[in-house]
Amino acid sequence: QVQLVESGGGLVQAGGSLRLSCAASGRTFNNYAMGWFRQAPGKEREFVAAISWSGGNTYYADSVKGRFTISRDNAKNTVYLQMNSLKPEDTAVYYCAADIRTIATMPYEFDYWGQGTQVTVSS
């Protein structure tokens, strides 16, 4: 079992930055690929970014490529999402997730989920 707790969300103006953190506890963190997803009201959960267990491979949704950066610190059991040049359409609840198998981009491929953190970008 893996427990995931997100933090770092908040209200920011368009063009601003936020850094989300996801702290993991339970089973060995560096056995898991990690991902970030988001869900806006009335919309389905969508993929944002993913990182392999070693940090050597990363994937991004086209909508965030060049603006968001995913990273991890296995010594701290934490994965991060640095979000720059934020836009109002980035407003959503952001979730981190863990995948025991390999780096992935679909929600059903992930085994554990955090409770989410709200990000609101004002125009």
PDB file of N, CA and C in Angstrom:
ATOM      1  N   GLN A   1       0.845  -1.187   0.000  1.00  0.00           N
ATOM      2  CA  GLN A   1       0.000   0.000   0.000  1.00  0.00           C
ATOM      3  C   GLN A   1       0.882   1.240   0.000  1.00  0.00           C
ATOM      4  N   VAL A   2       0.469   2.248  -0.747  1.00  0.00           N
ATOM      5  CA  VAL A   2       1.188   3.520  -0.825  1.00  0.00           C
ATOM      6  C   VAL A   2       0.196   4.631  -0.508  1.00  0.00           C
ATOM      7  N   GLN A   3       0.581   5.531   0.361  1.00  0.00           N
ATOM      8  CA  GLN A   3      -0.231   6.701   0.663  1.00  0.00           C
ATOM      9  C   GLN A   3       0.414   7.913   0.011  1.00  0.00           C
ATOM     10  N   LEU A   4      -0.401   8.719  -0.642  1.00  0.00           N
ATOM     11  CA  LEU A   4       0.078   9.897  -1.362  1.00  0.00           C
ATOM     12  C   LEU A   4      -0.654  11.134  -0.847  1.00  0.00           C
ATOM     13  N   VAL A   5       0.107  12.172  -0.553  1.00  0.00           N
ATOM     14  CA  VAL A   5      -0.483  13.414  -0.052  1.00  0.00           C
ATOM     15  C   VAL A   5       0.061  14.579  -0.861  1.00  0.00           C
ATOM     16  N   GLU A   6      -0.837  15.259  -1.573  1.00  0.00           N
ATOM     17  CA  GLU A   6      -0.442  16.412  -2.384  1.00  0.00           C
ATOM     18  C   GLU A   6      -0.494  17.690  -1.552  1.00  0.00           C
ATOM     19  N   SER A   7       0.320  18.650  -1.935  1.00  0.00           N
ATOM     20  CA  SER A   7       0.297  19.969  -1.323  1.00  0.00           C
ATOM     21  C   SER A   7       0.813  20.982  -2.329  1.00  0.00           C
ATOM     22  N   GLY A   8       0.622  22.271  -2.015  1.00  0.00           N
ATOM     23  CA  GLY A   8       1.168  23.320  -2.857  1.00  0.00           C
ATOM     24  C   GLY A   8       0.165  24.017  -3.755  1.00  0.00           C
ATOM     25  N   GLY A   9      -1.074  23.548  -3.750  1.00  0.00           N
ATOM     26  CA  GLY A   9      -2.076  24.203  -4.562  1.00  0.00           C
ATOM     27  C   GLY A   9      -2.443  25.563  -3.999  1.00  0.00           C
ATOM     28  N   GLY A  10      -3.223  26.326  -4.770  1.00  0.00           N
ATOM     29  CA  GLY A  10      -3.651  27.634  -4.308  1.00  0.00           C
ATOM     30  C   GLY A  10      -4.195  28.473  -5.430  1.00  0.00           C
ATOM     31  N   LEU A  11      -4.335  29.754  -5.140  1.00  0.00           N
ATOM     32  CA  LEU A  11      -4.841  30.726  -6.102  1.00  0.00           C
ATOM     33  C   LEU A  11      -3.680  31.548  -6.636  1.00  0.00           C
ATOM     34  N   VAL A  12      -3.598  31.665  -7.950  1.00  0.00           N
ATOM     35  CA  VAL A  12      -2.500  32.411  -8.574  1.00  0.00           C
ATOM     36  C   VAL A  12      -3.053  33.140  -9.792  1.00  0.00           C
ATOM     37  N   GLN A  13      -2.441  34.259 -10.124  1.00  0.00           N
ATOM     38  CA  GLN A  13      -2.853  34.992 -11.310  1.00  0.00           C
ATOM     39  C   GLN A  13      -2.282  34.345 -12.563  1.00  0.00           C
ATOM     40  N   ALA A  14      -2.937  34.560 -13.671  1.00  0.00           N
ATOM     41  CA  ALA A  14      -2.443  34.062 -14.959  1.00  0.00           C
ATOM     42  C   ALA A  14      -1.019  34.562 -15.186  1.00  0.00           C
ATOM     43  N   GLY A  15      -0.164  33.669 -15.663  1.00  0.00           N
ATOM     44  CA  GLY A  15       1.232  33.980 -15.863  1.00  0.00           C
ATOM     45  C   GLY A  15       2.115  33.634 -14.677  1.00  0.00           C
ATOM     46  N   GLY A  16       1.494  33.324 -13.556  1.00  0.00           N
ATOM     47  CA  GLY A  16       2.240  32.992 -12.353  1.00  0.00           C
ATOM     48  C   GLY A  16       2.693  31.545 -12.310  1.00  0.00           C
ATOM     49  N   SER A  17       3.275  31.177 -11.172  1.00  0.00           N
ATOM     50  CA  SER A  17       3.838  29.837 -10.999  1.00  0.00           C
ATOM     51  C   SER A  17       3.388  29.229  -9.679  1.00  0.00           C
ATOM     52  N   LEU A  18       3.348  27.926  -9.655  1.00  0.00           N
ATOM     53  CA  LEU A  18       3.128  27.149  -8.437  1.00  0.00           C
ATOM     54  C   LEU A  18       3.963  25.886  -8.537  1.00  0.00           C
ATOM     55  N   ARG A  19       4.346  25.353  -7.377  1.00  0.00           N
ATOM     56  CA  ARG A  19       5.002  24.050  -7.357  1.00  0.00           C
ATOM     57  C   ARG A  19       4.193  23.122  -6.467  1.00  0.00           C
ATOM     58  N   LEU A  20       3.692  22.060  -7.058  1.00  0.00           N
ATOM     59  CA  LEU A  20       2.982  21.040  -6.309  1.00  0.00           C
ATOM     60  C   LEU A  20       3.960  19.976  -5.829  1.00  0.00           C
ATOM     61  N   SER A  21       3.682  19.452  -4.652  1.00  0.00           N
ATOM     62  CA  SER A  21       4.466  18.348  -4.105  1.00  0.00           C
ATOM     63  C   SER A  21       3.534  17.185  -3.797  1.00  0.00           C
ATOM     64  N   CYS A  22       4.070  15.986  -3.887  1.00  0.00           N
ATOM     65  CA  CYS A  22       3.327  14.787  -3.536  1.00  0.00           C
ATOM     66  C   CYS A  22       4.255  13.910  -2.701  1.00  0.00           C
ATOM     67  N   ALA A  23       3.929  13.796  -1.424  1.00  0.00           N
ATOM     68  CA  ALA A  23       4.732  12.995  -0.506  1.00  0.00           C
ATOM     69  C   ALA A  23       4.150  11.594  -0.419  1.00  0.00           C
ATOM     70  N   ALA A  24       5.027  10.599  -0.549  1.00  0.00           N
ATOM     71  CA  ALA A  24       4.598   9.208  -0.520  1.00  0.00           C
ATOM     72  C   ALA A  24       5.091   8.509   0.735  1.00  0.00           C
ATOM     73  N   SER A  25       4.281   7.623   1.230  1.00  0.00           N
ATOM     74  CA  SER A  25       4.680   6.775   2.356  1.00  0.00           C
ATOM     75  C   SER A  25       4.156   5.367   2.101  1.00  0.00           C
ATOM     76  N   GLY A  26       4.740   4.415   2.789  1.00  0.00           N
ATOM     77  CA  GLY A  26       4.325   3.035   2.601  1.00  0.00           C
ATOM     78  C   GLY A  26       5.419   2.253   1.913  1.00  0.00           C
ATOM     79  N   ARG A  27       5.104   1.614   0.825  1.00  0.00           N
ATOM     80  CA  ARG A  27       6.072   0.796   0.117  1.00  0.00           C
ATOM     81  C   ARG A  27       7.150   1.640  -0.541  1.00  0.00           C
ATOM     82  N   THR A  28       8.218   0.998  -0.969  1.00  0.00           N
ATOM     83  CA  THR A  28       9.382   1.688  -1.493  1.00  0.00           C
ATOM     84  C   THR A  28       9.009   2.602  -2.649  1.00  0.00           C
ATOM     85  N   PHE A  29       9.211   3.889  -2.438  1.00  0.00           N
ATOM     86  CA  PHE A  29       8.790   4.909  -3.396  1.00  0.00           C
ATOM     87  C   PHE A  29       9.478   4.735  -4.731  1.00  0.00           C
ATOM     88  N   ASN A  30      10.768   4.400  -4.720  1.00  0.00           N
ATOM     89  CA  ASN A  30      11.477   4.377  -5.991  1.00  0.00           C
ATOM     90  C   ASN A  30      11.196   3.125  -6.809  1.00  0.00           C
ATOM     91  N   ASN A  31      10.246   2.306  -6.381  1.00  0.00           N
ATOM     92  CA  ASN A  31       9.761   1.214  -7.220  1.00  0.00           C
ATOM     93  C   ASN A  31       8.642   1.656  -8.155  1.00  0.00           C
ATOM     94  N   TYR A  32       8.151   2.874  -7.963  1.00  0.00           N
ATOM     95  CA  TYR A  32       6.945   3.317  -8.650  1.00  0.00           C
ATOM     96  C   TYR A  32       7.237   4.416  -9.662  1.00  0.00           C
ATOM     97  N   ALA A  33       6.637   4.293 -10.832  1.00  0.00           N
ATOM     98  CA  ALA A  33       6.504   5.446 -11.704  1.00  0.00           C
ATOM     99  C   ALA A  33       5.409   6.338 -11.109  1.00  0.00           C
ATOM    100  N   MET A  34       5.509   7.635 -11.357  1.00  0.00           N
ATOM    101  CA  MET A  34       4.569   8.584 -10.767  1.00  0.00           C
ATOM    102  C   MET A  34       3.946   9.448 -11.858  1.00  0.00           C
ATOM    103  N   GLY A  35       2.753   9.906 -11.585  1.00  0.00           N
ATOM    104  CA  GLY A  35       2.083  10.764 -12.548  1.00  0.00           C
ATOM    105  C   GLY A  35       1.298  11.858 -11.864  1.00  0.00           C
ATOM    106  N   TRP A  36       1.018  12.898 -12.614  1.00  0.00           N
ATOM    107  CA  TRP A  36       0.113  13.972 -12.199  1.00  0.00           C
ATOM    108  C   TRP A  36      -1.057  14.011 -13.182  1.00  0.00           C
ATOM    109  N   PHE A  37      -2.246  14.117 -12.641  1.00  0.00           N
ATOM    110  CA  PHE A  37      -3.466  14.270 -13.406  1.00  0.00           C
ATOM    111  C   PHE A  37      -4.219  15.480 -12.875  1.00  0.00           C
ATOM    112  N   ARG A  38      -5.198  15.926 -13.632  1.00  0.00           N
ATOM    113  CA  ARG A  38      -6.037  17.016 -13.145  1.00  0.00           C
ATOM    114  C   ARG A  38      -7.474  16.802 -13.601  1.00  0.00           C
ATOM    115  N   GLN A  39      -8.390  17.390 -12.843  1.00  0.00           N
ATOM    116  CA  GLN A  39      -9.804  17.279 -13.170  1.00  0.00           C
ATOM    117  C   GLN A  39     -10.486  18.599 -12.878  1.00  0.00           C
ATOM    118  N   ALA A  40     -11.040  19.191 -13.909  1.00  0.00           N
ATOM    119  CA  ALA A  40     -11.807  20.423 -13.782  1.00  0.00           C
ATOM    120  C   ALA A  40     -13.279  20.069 -13.604  1.00  0.00           C
ATOM    121  N   PRO A  41     -14.070  20.973 -13.035  1.00  0.00           N
ATOM    122  CA  PRO A  41     -15.493  20.690 -12.827  1.00  0.00           C
ATOM    123  C   PRO A  41     -16.186  20.317 -14.136  1.00  0.00           C
ATOM    124  N   GLY A  42     -16.920  19.215 -14.103  1.00  0.00           N
ATOM    125  CA  GLY A  42     -17.673  18.782 -15.273  1.00  0.00           C
ATOM    126  C   GLY A  42     -16.855  18.105 -16.343  1.00  0.00           C
ATOM    127  N   LYS A  43     -15.572  17.907 -16.073  1.00  0.00           N
ATOM    128  CA  LYS A  43     -14.705  17.280 -17.076  1.00  0.00           C
ATOM    129  C   LYS A  43     -14.097  16.003 -16.522  1.00  0.00           C
ATOM    130  N   GLU A  44     -13.612  15.170 -17.436  1.00  0.00           N
ATOM    131  CA  GLU A  44     -12.962  13.938 -17.015  1.00  0.00           C
ATOM    132  C   GLU A  44     -11.542  14.226 -16.534  1.00  0.00           C
ATOM    133  N   ARG A  45     -11.049  13.300 -15.730  1.00  0.00           N
ATOM    134  CA  ARG A  45      -9.672  13.424 -15.264  1.00  0.00           C
ATOM    135  C   ARG A  45      -8.738  13.276 -16.459  1.00  0.00           C
ATOM    136  N   GLU A  46      -7.748  14.165 -16.545  1.00  0.00           N
ATOM    137  CA  GLU A  46      -6.839  14.128 -17.688  1.00  0.00           C
ATOM    138  C   GLU A  46      -5.379  14.060 -17.248  1.00  0.00           C
ATOM    139  N   PHE A  47      -4.603  13.432 -18.068  1.00  0.00           N
ATOM    140  CA  PHE A  47      -3.171  13.283 -17.830  1.00  0.00           C
ATOM    141  C   PHE A  47      -2.460  14.618 -17.950  1.00  0.00           C
ATOM    142  N   VAL A  48      -1.506  14.856 -17.064  1.00  0.00           N
ATOM    143  CA  VAL A  48      -0.690  16.062 -17.105  1.00  0.00           C
ATOM    144  C   VAL A  48       0.772  15.716 -17.372  1.00  0.00           C
ATOM    145  N   ALA A  49       1.347  14.857 -16.530  1.00  0.00           N
ATOM    146  CA  ALA A  49       2.764  14.529 -16.653  1.00  0.00           C
ATOM    147  C   ALA A  49       3.044  13.222 -15.932  1.00  0.00           C
ATOM    148  N   ALA A  50       4.116  12.545 -16.339  1.00  0.00           N
ATOM    149  CA  ALA A  50       4.524  11.304 -15.685  1.00  0.00           C
ATOM    150  C   ALA A  50       6.037  11.209 -15.694  1.00  0.00           C
ATOM    151  N   ILE A  51       6.548  10.433 -14.746  1.00  0.00           N
ATOM    152  CA  ILE A  51       7.997  10.274 -14.609  1.00  0.00           C
ATOM    153  C   ILE A  51       8.280   8.833 -14.219  1.00  0.00           C
ATOM    154  N   SER A  52       9.331   8.268 -14.784  1.00  0.00           N
ATOM    155  CA  SER A  52       9.706   6.897 -14.469  1.00  0.00           C
ATOM    156  C   SER A  52      10.288   6.798 -13.068  1.00  0.00           C
ATOM    157  N   TRP A  53      10.490   5.555 -12.585  1.00  0.00           N
ATOM    158  CA  TRP A  53      10.968   5.371 -11.220  1.00  0.00           C
ATOM    159  C   TRP A  53      12.325   6.022 -11.009  1.00  0.00           C
ATOM    160  N   SER A  54      13.163   6.029 -12.052  1.00  0.00           N
ATOM    161  CA  SER A  54      14.510   6.596 -11.921  1.00  0.00           C
ATOM    162  C   SER A  54      14.539   8.093 -12.172  1.00  0.00           C
ATOM    163  N   GLY A  55      13.474   8.606 -12.770  1.00  0.00           N
ATOM    164  CA  GLY A  55      13.474  10.009 -13.172  1.00  0.00           C
ATOM    165  C   GLY A  55      14.060  10.232 -14.552  1.00  0.00           C
ATOM    166  N   GLY A  56      14.496   9.164 -15.200  1.00  0.00           N
ATOM    167  CA  GLY A  56      15.162   9.298 -16.481  1.00  0.00           C
ATOM    168  C   GLY A  56      14.232   9.528 -17.655  1.00  0.00           C
ATOM    169  N   ASN A  57      12.976   9.178 -17.487  1.00  0.00           N
ATOM    170  CA  ASN A  57      11.990   9.370 -18.558  1.00  0.00           C
ATOM    171  C   ASN A  57      10.821  10.181 -18.047  1.00  0.00           C
ATOM    172  N   THR A  58      10.373  11.120 -18.871  1.00  0.00           N
ATOM    173  CA  THR A  58       9.209  11.928 -18.531  1.00  0.00           C
ATOM    174  C   THR A  58       8.296  12.068 -19.745  1.00  0.00           C
ATOM    175  N   TYR A  59       7.005  12.177 -19.469  1.00  0.00           N
ATOM    176  CA  TYR A  59       6.008  12.439 -20.511  1.00  0.00           C
ATOM    177  C   TYR A  59       5.180  13.636 -20.078  1.00  0.00           C
ATOM    178  N   TYR A  60       4.693  14.393 -21.051  1.00  0.00           N
ATOM    179  CA  TYR A  60       3.848  15.544 -20.758  1.00  0.00           C
ATOM    180  C   TYR A  60       2.663  15.586 -21.724  1.00  0.00           C
ATOM    181  N   ALA A  61       1.546  16.080 -21.231  1.00  0.00           N
ATOM    182  CA  ALA A  61       0.434  16.398 -22.124  1.00  0.00           C
ATOM    183  C   ALA A  61       0.840  17.583 -22.984  1.00  0.00           C
ATOM    184  N   ASP A  62       0.339  17.609 -24.203  1.00  0.00           N
ATOM    185  CA  ASP A  62       0.691  18.707 -25.106  1.00  0.00           C
ATOM    186  C   ASP A  62       0.306  20.062 -24.526  1.00  0.00           C
ATOM    187  N   SER A  63      -0.770  20.081 -23.759  1.00  0.00           N
ATOM    188  CA  SER A  63      -1.282  21.348 -23.227  1.00  0.00           C
ATOM    189  C   SER A  63      -0.364  21.977 -22.184  1.00  0.00           C
ATOM    190  N   VAL A  64       0.551  21.193 -21.617  1.00  0.00           N
ATOM    191  CA  VAL A  64       1.433  21.729 -20.576  1.00  0.00           C
ATOM    192  C   VAL A  64       2.899  21.678 -20.963  1.00  0.00           C
ATOM    193  N   LYS A  65       3.204  21.077 -22.090  1.00  0.00           N
ATOM    194  CA  LYS A  65       4.591  20.924 -22.513  1.00  0.00           C
ATOM    195  C   LYS A  65       5.262  22.286 -22.644  1.00  0.00           C
ATOM    196  N   GLY A  66       6.449  22.398 -22.064  1.00  0.00           N
ATOM    197  CA  GLY A  66       7.173  23.662 -22.102  1.00  0.00           C
ATOM    198  C   GLY A  66       6.838  24.598 -20.953  1.00  0.00           C
ATOM    199  N   ARG A  67       5.755  24.299 -20.221  1.00  0.00           N
ATOM    200  CA  ARG A  67       5.366  25.147 -19.088  1.00  0.00           C
ATOM    201  C   ARG A  67       5.486  24.402 -17.760  1.00  0.00           C
ATOM    202  N   PHE A  68       5.218  23.112 -17.759  1.00  0.00           N
ATOM    203  CA  PHE A  68       5.257  22.302 -16.534  1.00  0.00           C
ATOM    204  C   PHE A  68       6.474  21.375 -16.564  1.00  0.00           C
ATOM    205  N   THR A  69       7.011  21.101 -15.382  1.00  0.00           N
ATOM    206  CA  THR A  69       8.127  20.167 -15.258  1.00  0.00           C
ATOM    207  C   THR A  69       7.860  19.216 -14.099  1.00  0.00           C
ATOM    208  N   ILE A  70       7.923  17.931 -14.384  1.00  0.00           N
ATOM    209  CA  ILE A  70       7.789  16.924 -13.337  1.00  0.00           C
ATOM    210  C   ILE A  70       9.180  16.462 -12.917  1.00  0.00           C
ATOM    211  N   SER A  71       9.355  16.246 -11.628  1.00  0.00           N
ATOM    212  CA  SER A  71      10.629  15.754 -11.118  1.00  0.00           C
ATOM    213  C   SER A  71      10.359  14.941  -9.861  1.00  0.00           C
ATOM    214  N   ARG A  72      11.376  14.225  -9.402  1.00  0.00           N
ATOM    215  CA  ARG A  72      11.210  13.437  -8.190  1.00  0.00           C
ATOM    216  C   ARG A  72      12.506  13.415  -7.411  1.00  0.00           C
ATOM    217  N   ASP A  73      12.355  13.241  -6.103  1.00  0.00           N
ATOM    218  CA  ASP A  73      13.489  13.081  -5.202  1.00  0.00           C
ATOM    219  C   ASP A  73      13.230  11.797  -4.432  1.00  0.00           C
ATOM    220  N   ASN A  74      13.852  10.716  -4.847  1.00  0.00           N
ATOM    221  CA  ASN A  74      13.589   9.420  -4.218  1.00  0.00           C
ATOM    222  C   ASN A  74      14.091   9.369  -2.777  1.00  0.00           C
ATOM    223  N   ALA A  75      15.077  10.180  -2.444  1.00  0.00           N
ATOM    224  CA  ALA A  75      15.558  10.222  -1.062  1.00  0.00           C
ATOM    225  C   ALA A  75      14.514  10.838  -0.140  1.00  0.00           C
ATOM    226  N   LYS A  76      13.668  11.698  -0.698  1.00  0.00           N
ATOM    227  CA  LYS A  76      12.629  12.360   0.092  1.00  0.00           C
ATOM    228  C   LYS A  76      11.241  11.773  -0.160  1.00  0.00           C
ATOM    229  N   ASN A  77      11.176  10.721  -0.977  1.00  0.00           N
ATOM    230  CA  ASN A  77       9.881  10.097  -1.306  1.00  0.00           C
ATOM    231  C   ASN A  77       8.870  11.118  -1.801  1.00  0.00           C
ATOM    232  N   THR A  78       9.317  12.000  -2.665  1.00  0.00           N
ATOM    233  CA  THR A  78       8.470  13.103  -3.114  1.00  0.00           C
ATOM    234  C   THR A  78       8.589  13.302  -4.618  1.00  0.00           C
ATOM    235  N   VAL A  79       7.450  13.586  -5.239  1.00  0.00           N
ATOM    236  CA  VAL A  79       7.425  13.969  -6.637  1.00  0.00           C
ATOM    237  C   VAL A  79       6.874  15.389  -6.716  1.00  0.00           C
ATOM    238  N   TYR A  80       7.365  16.162  -7.677  1.00  0.00           N
ATOM    239  CA  TYR A  80       7.022  17.567  -7.791  1.00  0.00           C
ATOM    240  C   TYR A  80       6.425  17.858  -9.170  1.00  0.00           C
ATOM    241  N   LEU A  81       5.637  18.912  -9.220  1.00  0.00           N
ATOM    242  CA  LEU A  81       5.171  19.440 -10.492  1.00  0.00           C
ATOM    243  C   LEU A  81       5.352  20.953 -10.448  1.00  0.00           C
ATOM    244  N   GLN A  82       6.368  21.429 -11.162  1.00  0.00           N
ATOM    245  CA  GLN A  82       6.601  22.862 -11.271  1.00  0.00           C
ATOM    246  C   GLN A  82       5.749  23.388 -12.411  1.00  0.00           C
ATOM    247  N   MET A  83       4.888  24.338 -12.111  1.00  0.00           N
ATOM    248  CA  MET A  83       3.956  24.876 -13.102  1.00  0.00           C
ATOM    249  C   MET A  83       4.250  26.353 -13.313  1.00  0.00           C
ATOM    250  N   ASN A  84       4.674  26.693 -14.506  1.00  0.00           N
ATOM    251  CA  ASN A  84       4.973  28.077 -14.864  1.00  0.00           C
ATOM    252  C   ASN A  84       4.015  28.565 -15.938  1.00  0.00           C
ATOM    253  N   SER A  85       3.964  29.869 -16.119  1.00  0.00           N
ATOM    254  CA  SER A  85       3.108  30.481 -17.146  1.00  0.00           C
ATOM    255  C   SER A  85       1.694  29.926 -17.073  1.00  0.00           C
ATOM    256  N   LEU A  86       1.156  29.916 -15.878  1.00  0.00           N
ATOM    257  CA  LEU A  86      -0.168  29.320 -15.673  1.00  0.00           C
ATOM    258  C   LEU A  86      -1.256  30.091 -16.405  1.00  0.00           C
ATOM    259  N   LYS A  87      -2.254  29.346 -16.862  1.00  0.00           N
ATOM    260  CA  LYS A  87      -3.378  29.903 -17.602  1.00  0.00           C
ATOM    261  C   LYS A  87      -4.674  29.570 -16.862  1.00  0.00           C
ATOM    262  N   PRO A  88      -5.718  30.351 -17.067  1.00  0.00           N
ATOM    263  CA  PRO A  88      -6.997  30.029 -16.418  1.00  0.00           C
ATOM    264  C   PRO A  88      -7.478  28.611 -16.720  1.00  0.00           C
ATOM    265  N   GLU A  89      -7.177  28.104 -17.895  1.00  0.00           N
ATOM    266  CA  GLU A  89      -7.607  26.749 -18.245  1.00  0.00           C
ATOM    267  C   GLU A  89      -6.821  25.666 -17.497  1.00  0.00           C
ATOM    268  N   ASP A  90      -5.804  26.046 -16.750  1.00  0.00           N
ATOM    269  CA  ASP A  90      -5.103  25.087 -15.891  1.00  0.00           C
ATOM    270  C   ASP A  90      -5.834  24.876 -14.567  1.00  0.00           C
ATOM    271  N   THR A  91      -6.880  25.646 -14.324  1.00  0.00           N
ATOM    272  CA  THR A  91      -7.643  25.509 -13.088  1.00  0.00           C
ATOM    273  C   THR A  91      -8.266  24.129 -12.985  1.00  0.00           C
ATOM    274  N   ALA A  92      -7.978  23.447 -11.882  1.00  0.00           N
ATOM    275  CA  ALA A  92      -8.469  22.079 -11.686  1.00  0.00           C
ATOM    276  C   ALA A  92      -7.998  21.579 -10.324  1.00  0.00           C
ATOM    277  N   VAL A  93      -8.520  20.424  -9.928  1.00  0.00           N
ATOM    278  CA  VAL A  93      -7.938  19.678  -8.820  1.00  0.00           C
ATOM    279  C   VAL A  93      -6.840  18.798  -9.408  1.00  0.00           C
ATOM    280  N   TYR A  94      -5.656  18.881  -8.824  1.00  0.00           N
ATOM    281  CA  TYR A  94      -4.508  18.127  -9.304  1.00  0.00           C
ATOM    282  C   TYR A  94      -4.259  16.940  -8.387  1.00  0.00           C
ATOM    283  N   TYR A  95      -4.093  15.782  -9.006  1.00  0.00           N
ATOM    284  CA  TYR A  95      -3.879  14.539  -8.280  1.00  0.00           C
ATOM    285  C   TYR A  95      -2.539  13.931  -8.656  1.00  0.00           C
ATOM    286  N   CYS A  96      -1.844  13.376  -7.685  1.00  0.00           N
ATOM    287  CA  CYS A  96      -0.696  12.548  -8.027  1.00  0.00           C
ATOM    288  C   CYS A  96      -1.088  11.082  -7.902  1.00  0.00           C
ATOM    289  N   ALA A  97      -0.377  10.241  -8.618  1.00  0.00           N
ATOM    290  CA  ALA A  97      -0.704   8.821  -8.667  1.00  0.00           C
ATOM    291  C   ALA A  97       0.571   8.010  -8.826  1.00  0.00           C
ATOM    292  N   ALA A  98       0.523   6.763  -8.362  1.00  0.00           N
ATOM    293  CA  ALA A  98       1.672   5.863  -8.405  1.00  0.00           C
ATOM    294  C   ALA A  98       1.327   4.616  -9.196  1.00  0.00           C
ATOM    295  N   ASP A  99       2.283   4.176 -10.002  1.00  0.00           N
ATOM    296  CA  ASP A  99       2.104   3.010 -10.869  1.00  0.00           C
ATOM    297  C   ASP A  99       3.256   2.041 -10.625  1.00  0.00           C
ATOM    298  N   ILE A 100       2.929   0.829 -10.151  1.00  0.00           N
ATOM    299  CA  ILE A 100       3.971  -0.148  -9.818  1.00  0.00           C
ATOM    300  C   ILE A 100       4.641  -0.701 -11.064  1.00  0.00           C
ATOM    301  N   ARG A 101       3.997  -0.620 -12.218  1.00  0.00           N
ATOM    302  CA  ARG A 101       4.520  -1.322 -13.388  1.00  0.00           C
ATOM    303  C   ARG A 101       5.521  -0.486 -14.165  1.00  0.00           C
ATOM    304  N   THR A 102       5.096   0.559 -14.781  1.00  0.00           N
ATOM    305  CA  THR A 102       5.980   1.351 -15.625  1.00  0.00           C
ATOM    306  C   THR A 102       5.355   2.717 -15.840  1.00  0.00           C
ATOM    307  N   ILE A 103       6.108   3.620 -16.407  1.00  0.00           N
ATOM    308  CA  ILE A 103       5.592   4.957 -16.685  1.00  0.00           C
ATOM    309  C   ILE A 103       4.366   4.832 -17.595  1.00  0.00           C
ATOM    310  N   ALA A 104       3.343   5.607 -17.278  1.00  0.00           N
ATOM    311  CA  ALA A 104       2.068   5.469 -17.980  1.00  0.00           C
ATOM    312  C   ALA A 104       1.382   6.824 -18.066  1.00  0.00           C
ATOM    313  N   THR A 105       0.307   6.872 -18.861  1.00  0.00           N
ATOM    314  CA  THR A 105      -0.411   8.135 -19.052  1.00  0.00           C
ATOM    315  C   THR A 105      -1.917   8.022 -18.869  1.00  0.00           C
ATOM    316  N   MET A 106      -2.428   6.797 -18.668  1.00  0.00           N
ATOM    317  CA  MET A 106      -3.877   6.623 -18.521  1.00  0.00           C
ATOM    318  C   MET A 106      -4.224   6.405 -17.056  1.00  0.00           C
ATOM    319  N   PRO A 107      -5.314   7.009 -16.584  1.00  0.00           N
ATOM    320  CA  PRO A 107      -5.655   6.866 -15.154  1.00  0.00           C
ATOM    321  C   PRO A 107      -5.794   5.417 -14.701  1.00  0.00           C
ATOM    322  N   TYR A 108      -6.347   4.539 -15.551  1.00  0.00           N
ATOM    323  CA  TYR A 108      -6.582   3.167 -15.116  1.00  0.00           C
ATOM    324  C   TYR A 108      -5.288   2.386 -14.907  1.00  0.00           C
ATOM    325  N   GLU A 109      -4.176   2.914 -15.392  1.00  0.00           N
ATOM    326  CA  GLU A 109      -2.898   2.227 -15.248  1.00  0.00           C
ATOM    327  C   GLU A 109      -2.241   2.477 -13.893  1.00  0.00           C
ATOM    328  N   PHE A 110      -2.778   3.420 -13.141  1.00  0.00           N
ATOM    329  CA  PHE A 110      -2.172   3.794 -11.868  1.00  0.00           C
ATOM    330  C   PHE A 110      -2.880   3.087 -10.712  1.00  0.00           C
ATOM    331  N   ASP A 111      -2.075   2.718  -9.720  1.00  0.00           N
ATOM    332  CA  ASP A 111      -2.564   1.881  -8.635  1.00  0.00           C
ATOM    333  C   ASP A 111      -3.004   2.667  -7.413  1.00  0.00           C
ATOM    334  N   TYR A 112      -2.368   3.783  -7.142  1.00  0.00           N
ATOM    335  CA  TYR A 112      -2.652   4.553  -5.925  1.00  0.00           C
ATOM    336  C   TYR A 112      -2.810   6.022  -6.289  1.00  0.00           C
ATOM    337  N   TRP A 113      -3.690   6.690  -5.541  1.00  0.00           N
ATOM    338  CA  TRP A 113      -4.013   8.087  -5.800  1.00  0.00           C
ATOM    339  C   TRP A 113      -4.015   8.900  -4.519  1.00  0.00           C
ATOM    340  N   GLY A 114      -3.608  10.160  -4.646  1.00  0.00           N
ATOM    341  CA  GLY A 114      -3.762  11.083  -3.546  1.00  0.00           C
ATOM    342  C   GLY A 114      -5.153  11.690  -3.535  1.00  0.00           C
ATOM    343  N   GLN A 115      -5.387  12.588  -2.579  1.00  0.00           N
ATOM    344  CA  GLN A 115      -6.711  13.171  -2.410  1.00  0.00           C
ATOM    345  C   GLN A 115      -6.920  14.409  -3.266  1.00  0.00           C
ATOM    346  N   GLY A 116      -5.847  14.946  -3.817  1.00  0.00           N
ATOM    347  CA  GLY A 116      -5.948  16.090  -4.710  1.00  0.00           C
ATOM    348  C   GLY A 116      -5.690  17.414  -4.023  1.00  0.00           C
ATOM    349  N   THR A 117      -5.238  18.388  -4.802  1.00  0.00           N
ATOM    350  CA  THR A 117      -5.026  19.744  -4.319  1.00  0.00           C
ATOM    351  C   THR A 117      -5.562  20.711  -5.370  1.00  0.00           C
ATOM    352  N   GLN A 118      -6.278  21.740  -4.921  1.00  0.00           N
ATOM    353  CA  GLN A 118      -6.928  22.657  -5.845  1.00  0.00           C
ATOM    354  C   GLN A 118      -5.944  23.698  -6.357  1.00  0.00           C
ATOM    355  N   VAL A 119      -5.952  23.899  -7.663  1.00  0.00           N
ATOM    356  CA  VAL A 119      -5.198  24.978  -8.299  1.00  0.00           C
ATOM    357  C   VAL A 119      -6.203  25.861  -9.030  1.00  0.00           C
ATOM    358  N   THR A 120      -6.189  27.145  -8.702  1.00  0.00           N
ATOM    359  CA  THR A 120      -7.086  28.097  -9.348  1.00  0.00           C
ATOM    360  C   THR A 120      -6.255  29.225  -9.945  1.00  0.00           C
ATOM    361  N   VAL A 121      -6.438  29.452 -11.237  1.00  0.00           N
ATOM    362  CA  VAL A 121      -5.695  30.491 -11.942  1.00  0.00           C
ATOM    363  C   VAL A 121      -6.696  31.564 -12.375  1.00  0.00           C
ATOM    364  N   SER A 122      -6.504  32.759 -11.874  1.00  0.00           N
ATOM    365  CA  SER A 122      -7.413  33.856 -12.204  1.00  0.00           C
ATOM    366  C   SER A 122      -6.893  34.634 -13.411  1.00  0.00           C
ATOM    367  N   SER A 123      -7.807  35.165 -14.182  1.00  0.00           N
ATOM    368  CA  SER A 123      -7.419  35.903 -15.396  1.00  0.00           C
ATOM    369  C   SER A 123      -7.228  37.381 -15.116  1.00  0.00           C
TER     370      SER A 123
END
